[in-house]
Protein backbone atom coordinates (compact mmCIF):
# COMPACT_ATOMS: atom_id res chain seq x y z
CA UNK A 1 24.00 -19.68 -10.64
CA UNK A 2 22.24 -18.85 -7.50
CA UNK A 3 18.36 -19.84 -7.33
CA UNK A 4 16.34 -17.24 -5.98
CA UNK A 5 13.63 -18.97 -3.76
CA UNK A 6 11.48 -15.52 -3.70
CA UNK A 7 11.25 -15.32 -7.68
CA UNK A 8 7.76 -16.03 -9.06
CA UNK A 9 7.96 -18.51 -11.83
CA UNK A 10 6.85 -16.93 -15.18
CA UNK A 11 4.12 -19.39 -15.64
CA UNK A 12 2.32 -18.55 -12.28
CA UNK A 13 0.78 -15.22 -12.53
CA UNK A 14 0.47 -13.19 -9.22
CA UNK A 15 -3.21 -13.91 -7.53
CA UNK A 16 -5.81 -11.06 -7.36
CA UNK A 17 -5.81 -11.69 -3.68
CA UNK A 18 -2.06 -11.09 -3.39
CA UNK A 19 -2.32 -7.91 -5.37
CA UNK A 20 -5.11 -6.92 -3.00
CA UNK A 21 -3.14 -7.53 -0.13
CA UNK A 22 -0.12 -5.60 -1.49
CA UNK A 23 -2.29 -2.57 -2.14
CA UNK A 24 -3.72 -2.79 1.23
CA UNK A 25 -0.36 -2.95 3.00
CA UNK A 26 0.92 -0.18 0.86
CA UNK A 27 -2.00 1.93 2.01
CA UNK A 28 -1.45 1.08 5.52
CA UNK A 29 1.97 1.95 5.43
CA UNK A 30 1.54 5.36 3.62
CA UNK A 31 -1.31 6.23 6.51
CA UNK A 32 1.16 5.29 9.42
CA UNK A 33 3.84 7.48 7.75
CA UNK A 34 1.62 10.21 7.31
CA UNK A 35 0.35 9.82 11.03
CA UNK A 36 3.88 9.84 12.26
CA UNK A 37 4.77 13.09 10.35
CA UNK A 38 1.63 14.80 11.68
CA UNK A 39 2.24 13.61 15.26
CA UNK A 40 5.77 14.83 15.09
CA UNK A 41 4.79 18.12 14.08
CA UNK A 42 2.19 18.41 16.66
CA UNK A 43 4.86 17.54 19.44
CA UNK A 44 7.20 20.07 17.78
CA UNK A 45 4.47 22.62 18.01
CA UNK A 46 3.52 21.55 21.64
CA UNK A 47 7.16 21.68 22.75
CA UNK A 48 7.61 25.11 21.05
CA UNK A 49 4.54 26.62 22.67
CA UNK A 50 5.41 25.09 26.10
CA UNK A 51 8.93 26.73 25.89
CA UNK A 52 7.32 30.17 24.86
CA UNK A 53 5.11 29.86 27.91
CA UNK A 54 7.69 29.13 30.24
CA UNK A 55 6.22 25.83 31.23
CA UNK A 56 9.21 23.46 30.43
C-alpha cells in the first residue's frame, strides 16, 4: 500500500486559515482567467479593426 504524504489525516480537520487561503486562491485564478479571456478578445478585435483599416 502506498502512503500518500499529502493526505490529511481524518483526525486533523482543515484549519480556517487554509480554507480562506484556498478560497482566495480560487478567486485569484478565476479573475486571472477572466482577464486573460477579456484581453484575448480585445486583441482579436483590435487586430480585426487594424486589418479592416489597412494598417497591418
